[in-house]
């Protein structure tokens, strides 16, 4: 059961990463990489973590697990993204990403 939940978490994180990577033109390798990278990469990763947490309802600890980050790093990312929502264009873009993520069907994992 734990394995299936982790597989679903990874699938959701990949989807959030794909959406964020598409908007910011950042590869999955950069998003899930072990380095901080450029500011654009960091922002794309923060958006992906935020989407995974907010759109899919994963706890900060579960998001941290799939992004190979610390829970406090995910919390910081979510706060930063919330603060950026004061910008109407950023908020509109993020809302579109949230809607796209929420519209995705549940991952079909082998049982």
N, C-alpha and C. Protein backbone atom coordinates (compact mmCIF):
# COMPACT_ATOMS: atom_id res chain seq x y z
N UNK A 1 0.82 -1.19 0.00
CA UNK A 1 0.00 0.00 0.00
C UNK A 1 0.87 1.26 0.00
N UNK A 2 1.90 1.27 0.82
CA UNK A 2 2.82 2.42 0.88
C UNK A 2 3.48 2.65 -0.48
N UNK A 3 3.85 1.57 -1.16
CA UNK A 3 4.49 1.67 -2.47
C UNK A 3 3.54 2.32 -3.49
N UNK A 4 2.27 1.93 -3.45
CA UNK A 4 1.30 2.49 -4.39
C UNK A 4 1.12 3.97 -4.13
N UNK A 5 1.04 4.37 -2.87
CA UNK A 5 0.89 5.79 -2.54
C UNK A 5 2.10 6.58 -3.02
N UNK A 6 3.30 6.04 -2.82
CA UNK A 6 4.50 6.72 -3.28
C UNK A 6 4.51 6.82 -4.80
N UNK A 7 4.07 5.77 -5.49
CA UNK A 7 4.01 5.80 -6.96
C UNK A 7 3.04 6.87 -7.43
N UNK A 8 1.90 6.98 -6.77
CA UNK A 8 0.92 8.02 -7.12
C UNK A 8 1.50 9.41 -6.83
N UNK A 9 2.22 9.54 -5.73
CA UNK A 9 2.84 10.82 -5.39
C UNK A 9 3.83 11.23 -6.49
N UNK A 10 4.66 10.29 -6.92
CA UNK A 10 5.64 10.58 -7.98
C UNK A 10 4.94 10.94 -9.28
N UNK A 11 3.87 10.22 -9.61
CA UNK A 11 3.12 10.51 -10.84
C UNK A 11 2.54 11.92 -10.79
N UNK A 12 1.98 12.29 -9.66
CA UNK A 12 1.41 13.63 -9.51
C UNK A 12 2.50 14.70 -9.57
N UNK A 13 3.62 14.44 -8.94
CA UNK A 13 4.73 15.41 -8.98
C UNK A 13 5.26 15.57 -10.40
N UNK A 14 5.34 14.47 -11.15
CA UNK A 14 5.79 14.56 -12.55
C UNK A 14 4.82 15.39 -13.38
N UNK A 15 3.52 15.22 -13.13
CA UNK A 15 2.54 16.01 -13.86
C UNK A 15 2.68 17.49 -13.51
N UNK A 16 2.78 17.79 -12.22
CA UNK A 16 2.97 19.18 -11.80
C UNK A 16 4.27 19.74 -12.38
N UNK A 17 5.32 18.92 -12.40
CA UNK A 17 6.59 19.34 -12.98
C UNK A 17 6.49 19.58 -14.47
N UNK A 18 5.71 18.74 -15.16
CA UNK A 18 5.52 18.92 -16.60
C UNK A 18 4.78 20.22 -16.89
N UNK A 19 3.76 20.50 -16.12
CA UNK A 19 3.00 21.74 -16.30
C UNK A 19 3.88 22.96 -16.04
N UNK A 20 4.59 22.93 -14.94
CA UNK A 20 5.46 24.04 -14.58
C UNK A 20 6.61 24.18 -15.58
N UNK A 21 7.20 23.05 -15.95
CA UNK A 21 8.30 23.07 -16.91
C UNK A 21 7.87 23.63 -18.25
N UNK A 22 6.65 23.31 -18.67
CA UNK A 22 6.11 23.83 -19.92
C UNK A 22 6.03 25.36 -19.87
N UNK A 23 5.49 25.90 -18.79
CA UNK A 23 5.30 27.35 -18.67
C UNK A 23 6.63 28.08 -18.59
N UNK A 24 7.59 27.51 -17.86
CA UNK A 24 8.86 28.20 -17.63
C UNK A 24 9.98 27.71 -18.55
N UNK A 25 9.67 26.77 -19.45
CA UNK A 25 10.66 26.19 -20.36
C UNK A 25 11.85 25.61 -19.60
N UNK A 26 11.52 24.74 -18.66
CA UNK A 26 12.52 24.08 -17.82
C UNK A 26 12.32 22.56 -17.95
N UNK A 27 13.39 21.83 -18.10
CA UNK A 27 13.31 20.38 -18.27
C UNK A 27 13.02 19.67 -16.94
N UNK A 28 12.52 18.45 -17.07
CA UNK A 28 12.27 17.62 -15.88
C UNK A 28 13.57 17.35 -15.13
N UNK A 29 14.65 17.19 -15.86
CA UNK A 29 15.94 16.95 -15.22
C UNK A 29 16.33 18.12 -14.33
N UNK A 30 16.10 19.33 -14.83
CA UNK A 30 16.41 20.52 -14.03
C UNK A 30 15.48 20.63 -12.83
N UNK A 31 14.19 20.36 -13.05
CA UNK A 31 13.21 20.48 -11.97
C UNK A 31 13.48 19.51 -10.83
N UNK A 32 13.79 18.28 -11.17
CA UNK A 32 13.98 17.26 -10.15
C UNK A 32 15.45 17.04 -9.81
N UNK A 33 16.31 17.90 -10.35
CA UNK A 33 17.74 17.78 -10.10
C UNK A 33 18.11 18.16 -8.67
N UNK A 34 19.33 17.88 -8.34
CA UNK A 34 19.81 18.07 -6.98
C UNK A 34 20.46 19.43 -6.76
N UNK A 35 20.44 20.28 -7.79
CA UNK A 35 21.08 21.58 -7.65
C UNK A 35 20.04 22.69 -7.65
N UNK A 36 20.45 23.85 -7.20
CA UNK A 36 19.54 24.99 -7.18
C UNK A 36 19.34 25.55 -8.58
N UNK A 37 20.40 25.63 -9.36
CA UNK A 37 20.29 26.10 -10.74
C UNK A 37 19.95 27.57 -10.84
N UNK A 38 19.47 27.92 -11.99
CA UNK A 38 19.13 29.30 -12.27
C UNK A 38 17.85 29.72 -11.54
N UNK A 39 17.63 31.02 -11.48
CA UNK A 39 16.44 31.54 -10.81
C UNK A 39 15.16 31.02 -11.46
N UNK A 40 15.17 30.92 -12.79
CA UNK A 40 14.00 30.40 -13.50
C UNK A 40 13.73 28.95 -13.11
N UNK A 41 14.78 28.16 -12.97
CA UNK A 41 14.63 26.76 -12.56
C UNK A 41 14.07 26.68 -11.15
N UNK A 42 14.60 27.52 -10.27
CA UNK A 42 14.12 27.53 -8.88
C UNK A 42 12.64 27.89 -8.83
N UNK A 43 12.23 28.90 -9.59
CA UNK A 43 10.83 29.31 -9.59
C UNK A 43 9.95 28.20 -10.17
N UNK A 44 10.38 27.59 -11.25
CA UNK A 44 9.61 26.49 -11.84
C UNK A 44 9.46 25.34 -10.85
N UNK A 45 10.52 25.02 -10.12
CA UNK A 45 10.47 23.95 -9.12
C UNK A 45 9.53 24.33 -7.98
N UNK A 46 9.58 25.59 -7.55
CA UNK A 46 8.69 26.05 -6.49
C UNK A 46 7.23 25.96 -6.92
N UNK A 47 6.95 26.33 -8.16
CA UNK A 47 5.59 26.23 -8.68
C UNK A 47 5.17 24.76 -8.73
N UNK A 48 6.04 23.89 -9.18
CA UNK A 48 5.72 22.46 -9.25
C UNK A 48 5.44 21.89 -7.85
N UNK A 49 6.24 22.28 -6.87
CA UNK A 49 6.00 21.82 -5.51
C UNK A 49 4.67 22.36 -4.99
N UNK A 50 4.40 23.62 -5.26
CA UNK A 50 3.16 24.25 -4.85
C UNK A 50 1.96 23.51 -5.47
N UNK A 51 2.02 23.25 -6.77
CA UNK A 51 0.94 22.54 -7.45
C UNK A 51 0.73 21.15 -6.86
N UNK A 52 1.81 20.47 -6.57
CA UNK A 52 1.72 19.12 -6.01
C UNK A 52 1.03 19.17 -4.65
N UNK A 53 1.35 20.17 -3.87
CA UNK A 53 0.75 20.33 -2.54
C UNK A 53 -0.70 20.78 -2.63
N UNK A 54 -0.96 21.85 -3.37
CA UNK A 54 -2.29 22.47 -3.39
C UNK A 54 -3.27 21.72 -4.28
N UNK A 55 -2.87 21.41 -5.50
CA UNK A 55 -3.80 20.79 -6.44
C UNK A 55 -4.09 19.33 -6.12
N UNK A 56 -3.09 18.63 -5.61
CA UNK A 56 -3.26 17.21 -5.33
C UNK A 56 -3.41 16.89 -3.84
N UNK A 57 -3.26 17.90 -3.00
CA UNK A 57 -3.49 17.70 -1.57
C UNK A 57 -2.44 16.88 -0.85
N UNK A 58 -1.25 16.78 -1.41
CA UNK A 58 -0.18 16.05 -0.72
C UNK A 58 0.36 16.89 0.43
N UNK A 59 0.70 16.24 1.50
CA UNK A 59 1.30 16.95 2.64
C UNK A 59 2.66 17.51 2.22
N UNK A 60 3.14 18.48 2.97
CA UNK A 60 4.45 19.05 2.69
C UNK A 60 5.54 17.97 2.76
N UNK A 61 5.40 17.05 3.68
CA UNK A 61 6.39 15.97 3.83
C UNK A 61 6.40 15.06 2.60
N UNK A 62 5.21 14.75 2.08
CA UNK A 62 5.14 13.89 0.89
C UNK A 62 5.68 14.61 -0.34
N UNK A 63 5.41 15.90 -0.46
CA UNK A 63 5.96 16.68 -1.56
C UNK A 63 7.48 16.70 -1.45
N UNK A 64 7.98 16.93 -0.25
CA UNK A 64 9.43 16.96 -0.03
C UNK A 64 10.05 15.63 -0.45
N UNK A 65 9.38 14.53 -0.14
CA UNK A 65 9.90 13.21 -0.49
C UNK A 65 10.06 13.04 -2.00
N UNK A 66 9.05 13.44 -2.77
CA UNK A 66 9.13 13.22 -4.21
C UNK A 66 10.07 14.19 -4.91
N UNK A 67 10.28 15.37 -4.33
CA UNK A 67 11.20 16.34 -4.94
C UNK A 67 12.60 16.25 -4.34
N UNK A 68 12.79 15.30 -3.43
CA UNK A 68 14.09 15.10 -2.77
C UNK A 68 14.57 16.38 -2.10
N UNK A 69 13.65 17.00 -1.39
CA UNK A 69 13.94 18.23 -0.66
C UNK A 69 13.48 18.06 0.78
N UNK A 70 13.83 19.03 1.60
CA UNK A 70 13.41 19.05 2.99
C UNK A 70 11.99 19.63 3.08
N UNK A 71 11.25 19.22 4.08
CA UNK A 71 9.89 19.73 4.27
C UNK A 71 9.87 21.24 4.40
N UNK A 72 10.84 21.79 5.10
CA UNK A 72 10.89 23.25 5.28
C UNK A 72 11.14 23.97 3.95
N UNK A 73 11.85 23.33 3.03
CA UNK A 73 12.08 23.90 1.70
C UNK A 73 10.76 23.98 0.94
N UNK A 74 9.95 22.94 1.04
CA UNK A 74 8.64 22.94 0.37
C UNK A 74 7.74 24.00 0.99
N UNK A 75 7.74 24.11 2.30
CA UNK A 75 6.93 25.13 2.97
C UNK A 75 7.34 26.52 2.51
N UNK A 76 8.63 26.76 2.43
CA UNK A 76 9.15 28.05 1.96
C UNK A 76 8.70 28.31 0.52
N UNK A 77 8.80 27.30 -0.34
CA UNK A 77 8.38 27.45 -1.73
C UNK A 77 6.90 27.81 -1.82
N UNK A 78 6.07 27.14 -1.04
CA UNK A 78 4.63 27.41 -1.07
C UNK A 78 4.33 28.83 -0.60
N UNK A 79 5.03 29.29 0.42
CA UNK A 79 4.84 30.67 0.88
C UNK A 79 5.27 31.68 -0.19
N UNK A 80 6.39 31.42 -0.84
CA UNK A 80 6.85 32.32 -1.90
C UNK A 80 5.83 32.41 -3.04
N UNK A 81 5.30 31.27 -3.43
CA UNK A 81 4.34 31.25 -4.54
C UNK A 81 3.05 31.96 -4.12
N UNK A 82 2.60 31.74 -2.91
CA UNK A 82 1.41 32.45 -2.42
C UNK A 82 1.64 33.96 -2.47
N UNK A 83 2.81 34.41 -2.07
CA UNK A 83 3.13 35.84 -2.10
C UNK A 83 3.11 36.39 -3.53
N UNK A 84 3.57 35.59 -4.49
CA UNK A 84 3.61 36.02 -5.89
C UNK A 84 2.22 36.11 -6.50
N UNK A 85 1.24 35.52 -5.86
CA UNK A 85 -0.13 35.55 -6.39
C UNK A 85 -0.74 36.95 -6.34
N UNK A 86 -0.07 37.89 -5.67
CA UNK A 86 -0.54 39.28 -5.66
C UNK A 86 -0.42 39.90 -7.05
N UNK A 87 0.45 39.35 -7.88
CA UNK A 87 0.61 39.80 -9.26
C UNK A 87 -0.50 39.14 -10.09
N UNK A 88 -1.42 39.94 -10.67
CA UNK A 88 -2.55 39.37 -11.40
C UNK A 88 -2.17 38.41 -12.53
N UNK A 89 -1.11 38.71 -13.27
CA UNK A 89 -0.70 37.83 -14.37
C UNK A 89 -0.17 36.50 -13.83
N UNK A 90 0.62 36.56 -12.78
CA UNK A 90 1.14 35.34 -12.17
C UNK A 90 -0.01 34.52 -11.60
N UNK A 91 -0.95 35.19 -10.94
CA UNK A 91 -2.10 34.50 -10.35
C UNK A 91 -2.93 33.82 -11.43
N UNK A 92 -3.14 34.48 -12.54
CA UNK A 92 -3.91 33.91 -13.65
C UNK A 92 -3.20 32.67 -14.21
N UNK A 93 -1.90 32.76 -14.38
CA UNK A 93 -1.12 31.63 -14.89
C UNK A 93 -1.20 30.46 -13.89
N UNK A 94 -1.04 30.75 -12.61
CA UNK A 94 -1.06 29.70 -11.60
C UNK A 94 -2.44 29.05 -11.50
N UNK A 95 -3.47 29.85 -11.61
CA UNK A 95 -4.83 29.30 -11.57
C UNK A 95 -5.06 28.36 -12.75
N UNK A 96 -4.55 28.72 -13.93
CA UNK A 96 -4.67 27.84 -15.10
C UNK A 96 -3.93 26.53 -14.86
N UNK A 97 -2.74 26.60 -14.26
CA UNK A 97 -1.98 25.38 -13.96
C UNK A 97 -2.71 24.53 -12.92
N UNK A 98 -3.27 25.16 -11.89
CA UNK A 98 -4.03 24.43 -10.88
C UNK A 98 -5.22 23.71 -11.51
N UNK A 99 -5.94 24.41 -12.38
CA UNK A 99 -7.09 23.80 -13.05
C UNK A 99 -6.67 22.62 -13.93
N UNK A 100 -5.56 22.77 -14.63
CA UNK A 100 -5.06 21.68 -15.48
C UNK A 100 -4.67 20.48 -14.62
N UNK A 101 -4.00 20.73 -13.52
CA UNK A 101 -3.59 19.63 -12.64
C UNK A 101 -4.80 18.93 -12.03
N UNK A 102 -5.76 19.70 -11.58
CA UNK A 102 -6.95 19.11 -10.96
C UNK A 102 -7.82 18.35 -11.97
N UNK A 103 -7.74 18.73 -13.24
CA UNK A 103 -8.53 18.08 -14.27
C UNK A 103 -7.97 16.71 -14.66
N UNK A 104 -6.73 16.47 -14.31
CA UNK A 104 -6.10 15.19 -14.67
C UNK A 104 -6.76 14.04 -13.92
N UNK A 105 -6.94 12.91 -14.59
CA UNK A 105 -7.51 11.75 -13.90
C UNK A 105 -6.53 11.19 -12.88
N UNK A 106 -7.06 10.40 -11.98
CA UNK A 106 -6.23 9.73 -10.98
C UNK A 106 -5.28 8.76 -11.68
N UNK A 107 -4.01 8.72 -11.25
CA UNK A 107 -3.06 7.80 -11.89
C UNK A 107 -3.56 6.35 -11.80
N UNK A 108 -3.37 5.61 -12.88
CA UNK A 108 -3.75 4.20 -12.91
C UNK A 108 -2.52 3.37 -12.57
N UNK A 109 -2.44 2.98 -11.33
CA UNK A 109 -1.30 2.20 -10.86
C UNK A 109 -1.65 0.72 -10.83
N UNK A 110 -0.70 -0.13 -11.16
CA UNK A 110 -0.96 -1.58 -11.09
C UNK A 110 -1.20 -1.99 -9.64
N UNK A 111 -2.16 -2.88 -9.46
CA UNK A 111 -2.49 -3.34 -8.09
C UNK A 111 -2.06 -4.74 -7.87
